[in-house]
Amino acid sequence: MTQSIYRFFADESGLTTVEYAIAGALIGVAVILAFTTLGGSVAGTVMIIDGILPG
């Protein structure tokens, strides 16, 4: 029983997946914060570009 517990804690095969999930969540939070903070200026810039482009 104790050997299987030791093997469980020593197994790092799922660790990479967890690291990618945490990194993805942090990037998502950063993007949301950036758009929340810069939302008005980004929307204004998009409207300017929309007015310049034909069609």
Protein backbone atom coordinates (compact mmCIF):
# COMPACT_ATOMS: atom_id res chain seq x y z
CA MET A 1 0.00 0.00 0.00
CA THR A 2 2.74 2.47 0.91
CA GLN A 3 4.62 1.65 -2.29
CA SER A 4 1.63 2.62 -4.40
CA ILE A 5 1.32 5.90 -2.47
CA TYR A 6 5.01 6.63 -3.05
CA ARG A 7 4.63 5.81 -6.76
CA PHE A 8 1.59 8.10 -6.99
CA PHE A 9 3.46 11.08 -5.54
CA ALA A 10 6.61 10.33 -7.56
CA ASP A 11 4.70 10.12 -10.88
CA GLU A 12 5.12 13.37 -12.80
CA SER A 13 3.44 12.38 -16.06
CA GLY A 14 0.37 14.54 -15.43
CA LEU A 15 2.37 17.49 -14.18
CA THR A 16 2.96 18.96 -17.64
CA THR A 17 -0.77 19.06 -18.33
CA VAL A 18 -1.39 20.89 -15.08
CA GLU A 19 1.38 23.37 -15.85
CA TYR A 20 -0.12 24.10 -19.28
CA ALA A 21 -3.57 24.53 -17.76
CA ILE A 22 -2.26 27.00 -15.18
CA ALA A 23 -0.31 28.91 -17.85
CA GLY A 24 -3.37 29.04 -20.10
CA ALA A 25 -5.54 30.31 -17.27
CA LEU A 26 -3.01 33.03 -16.41
CA ILE A 27 -2.81 34.12 -20.05
CA GLY A 28 -6.60 34.22 -20.22
CA VAL A 29 -6.79 36.39 -17.11
CA ALA A 30 -4.12 38.72 -18.51
CA VAL A 31 -6.03 39.10 -21.79
CA ILE A 32 -9.29 39.82 -19.97
CA LEU A 33 -7.60 42.40 -17.75
CA ALA A 34 -5.92 44.04 -20.74
CA PHE A 35 -9.18 44.32 -22.66
CA THR A 36 -11.01 45.59 -19.61
CA THR A 37 -8.37 48.23 -18.97
CA LEU A 38 -7.80 49.23 -22.59
CA GLY A 39 -11.30 48.50 -23.87
CA GLY A 40 -12.27 52.07 -24.71
CA SER A 41 -9.13 52.91 -26.63
CA VAL A 42 -9.17 49.58 -28.47
CA ALA A 43 -12.80 50.11 -29.47
CA GLY A 44 -11.97 53.62 -30.68
CA THR A 45 -9.05 52.33 -32.74
CA VAL A 46 -11.20 49.60 -34.27
CA MET A 47 -13.83 52.18 -35.22
CA ILE A 48 -11.17 54.36 -36.89
CA ILE A 49 -9.82 51.39 -38.84
CA ASP A 50 -13.38 50.41 -39.79
CA GLY A 51 -13.97 53.90 -41.16
CA ILE A 52 -10.77 53.81 -43.21
CA LEU A 53 -11.27 50.40 -44.82
CA PRO A 54 -13.63 50.25 -47.80
CA GLY A 55 -16.59 47.92 -47.96
